[in-house]
Amino acid sequence: MKVKHLIYEDGVIAVALIARDESTAARQLFHVGVRWLAPKSYSKAGIEVAVTNVMGGETDWFLLPNTLGVGVAKALIQRHAADPKCFDGMAFSRMMTWLVAKKEVFDGMAY
């Protein structure tokens, strides 16, 4: 599995289109992948405080089932409309092309 398009990263989680290999990527056979990012320690009153994420510190990618992945991608469209700062513009465009090709969203003015 290889991350092909890192769509969203906000410091806590990342979302990407992931392909099994180059031939599946060429055929636009992607999965939506999600991962928690490595937690960052912080200093409180001069004491270093170690933190973990809700996955116990794990940061590996996991693939979502197709219907759930499409749901996450659609939620990202709404988030992008509200505030695009955590998005990679080219990867977001690639996700939109993928969703249109799958007939999950329609290439038009209204969504």
Protein backbone atom coordinates (compact mmCIF):
# COMPACT_ATOMS: atom_id res chain seq x y z
CA MET A 1 0.00 0.00 0.00
CA LYS A 2 1.23 3.45 -0.89
CA VAL A 3 -0.08 6.89 -0.02
CA LYS A 4 -0.75 8.53 -3.37
CA HIS A 5 -2.51 11.75 -2.35
CA LEU A 6 -2.30 13.22 1.16
CA ILE A 7 -5.54 15.20 1.23
CA TYR A 8 -5.85 16.49 4.79
CA GLU A 9 -3.54 16.91 7.76
CA ASP A 10 -4.41 19.02 10.79
CA GLY A 11 -1.73 18.09 13.31
CA VAL A 12 -3.86 15.34 14.86
CA ILE A 13 -5.07 13.19 11.95
CA ALA A 14 -4.28 12.72 8.28
CA VAL A 15 -6.49 11.47 5.45
CA ALA A 16 -5.18 10.20 2.12
CA LEU A 17 -6.05 8.29 -1.02
CA ILE A 18 -4.05 5.06 -0.90
CA ALA A 19 -3.41 2.58 -3.71
CA ARG A 20 -2.27 -1.01 -3.46
CA ASP A 21 0.37 -0.49 -6.15
CA GLU A 22 1.13 1.63 -9.21
CA SER A 23 -1.20 -0.32 -11.52
CA THR A 24 -4.19 0.17 -9.21
CA ALA A 25 -3.28 3.85 -8.82
CA ALA A 26 -3.22 4.22 -12.62
CA ARG A 27 -6.75 2.76 -12.73
CA GLN A 28 -7.91 5.08 -9.93
CA LEU A 29 -8.59 2.18 -7.57
CA PHE A 30 -8.04 4.05 -4.34
CA HIS A 31 -9.00 3.50 -0.73
CA VAL A 32 -9.42 6.28 1.78
CA GLY A 33 -6.86 5.89 4.55
CA VAL A 34 -6.80 7.58 7.94
CA ARG A 35 -4.11 7.77 10.59
CA TRP A 36 -3.47 9.52 13.85
CA LEU A 37 -0.32 11.62 13.77
CA ALA A 38 2.44 11.21 16.31
CA PRO A 39 1.45 12.97 19.53
CA LYS A 40 3.52 15.96 20.56
CA SER A 41 4.64 16.51 24.14
CA TYR A 42 4.26 19.94 25.69
CA SER A 43 5.71 21.90 28.57
CA LYS A 44 3.48 22.85 31.51
CA ALA A 45 4.95 24.93 34.34
CA GLY A 46 8.42 23.94 33.21
CA ILE A 47 7.65 20.22 33.27
CA GLU A 48 7.64 18.20 30.07
CA VAL A 49 4.29 16.41 29.72
CA ALA A 50 4.20 13.37 27.44
CA VAL A 51 0.92 12.79 25.66
CA THR A 52 -0.48 9.99 23.55
CA ASN A 53 -3.25 9.79 21.02
CA VAL A 54 -6.47 7.84 21.41
CA MET A 55 -4.84 4.94 19.56
CA GLY A 56 -2.20 4.47 22.25
CA GLY A 57 0.43 6.26 20.20
CA GLU A 58 -0.05 4.17 17.03
CA THR A 59 0.36 6.12 13.80
CA ASP A 60 -0.04 3.46 11.10
CA TRP A 61 -2.47 4.02 8.24
CA PHE A 62 -5.68 2.06 8.22
CA LEU A 63 -7.95 1.70 5.23
CA LEU A 64 -11.65 2.39 5.45
CA PRO A 65 -14.28 0.21 3.78
CA ASN A 66 -15.38 1.80 0.50
CA THR A 67 -18.73 3.21 1.64
CA LEU A 68 -17.27 4.66 4.83
CA GLY A 69 -14.31 6.07 2.92
CA VAL A 70 -16.66 7.84 0.51
CA GLY A 71 -18.54 9.24 3.51
CA VAL A 72 -15.31 10.59 4.97
CA ALA A 73 -14.38 12.09 1.58
CA LYS A 74 -17.77 13.83 1.40
CA ALA A 75 -17.29 15.18 4.93
CA LEU A 76 -13.93 16.56 3.79
CA ILE A 77 -15.71 18.47 1.02
CA GLN A 78 -17.79 20.26 3.66
CA ARG A 79 -14.76 20.92 5.84
CA HIS A 80 -12.81 22.25 2.84
CA ALA A 81 -15.66 24.66 2.03
CA ALA A 82 -15.58 25.98 5.61
CA ASP A 83 -11.79 26.25 5.99
CA PRO A 84 -9.32 24.91 3.41
CA LYS A 85 -6.13 25.62 5.40
CA CYS A 86 -5.31 21.97 6.37
CA PHE A 87 -5.79 20.65 2.83
CA ASP A 88 -3.39 19.99 -0.01
CA GLY A 89 -5.09 21.66 -2.98
CA MET A 90 -3.84 19.24 -5.63
CA ALA A 91 -4.70 16.17 -3.54
CA PHE A 92 -8.16 17.58 -2.79
CA SER A 93 -8.73 18.08 -6.53
CA ARG A 94 -7.60 14.50 -7.13
CA MET A 95 -10.07 13.27 -4.51
CA MET A 96 -12.87 15.20 -6.23
CA THR A 97 -11.94 13.68 -9.61
CA TRP A 98 -12.00 10.22 -7.99
CA LEU A 99 -15.43 10.84 -6.41
CA VAL A 100 -16.88 12.11 -9.69
CA ALA A 101 -15.47 9.10 -11.59
CA LYS A 102 -17.08 6.78 -9.01
CA LYS A 103 -20.36 8.70 -9.45
CA GLU A 104 -20.41 9.47 -5.74
CA VAL A 105 -20.65 13.20 -6.38
CA PHE A 106 -21.71 14.97 -9.53
CA ASP A 107 -19.66 17.44 -11.49
CA GLY A 108 -21.99 20.42 -11.18
CA MET A 109 -22.68 23.59 -9.33
CA ALA A 110 -24.75 22.13 -6.49
CA TYR A 111 -23.86 19.36 -4.08
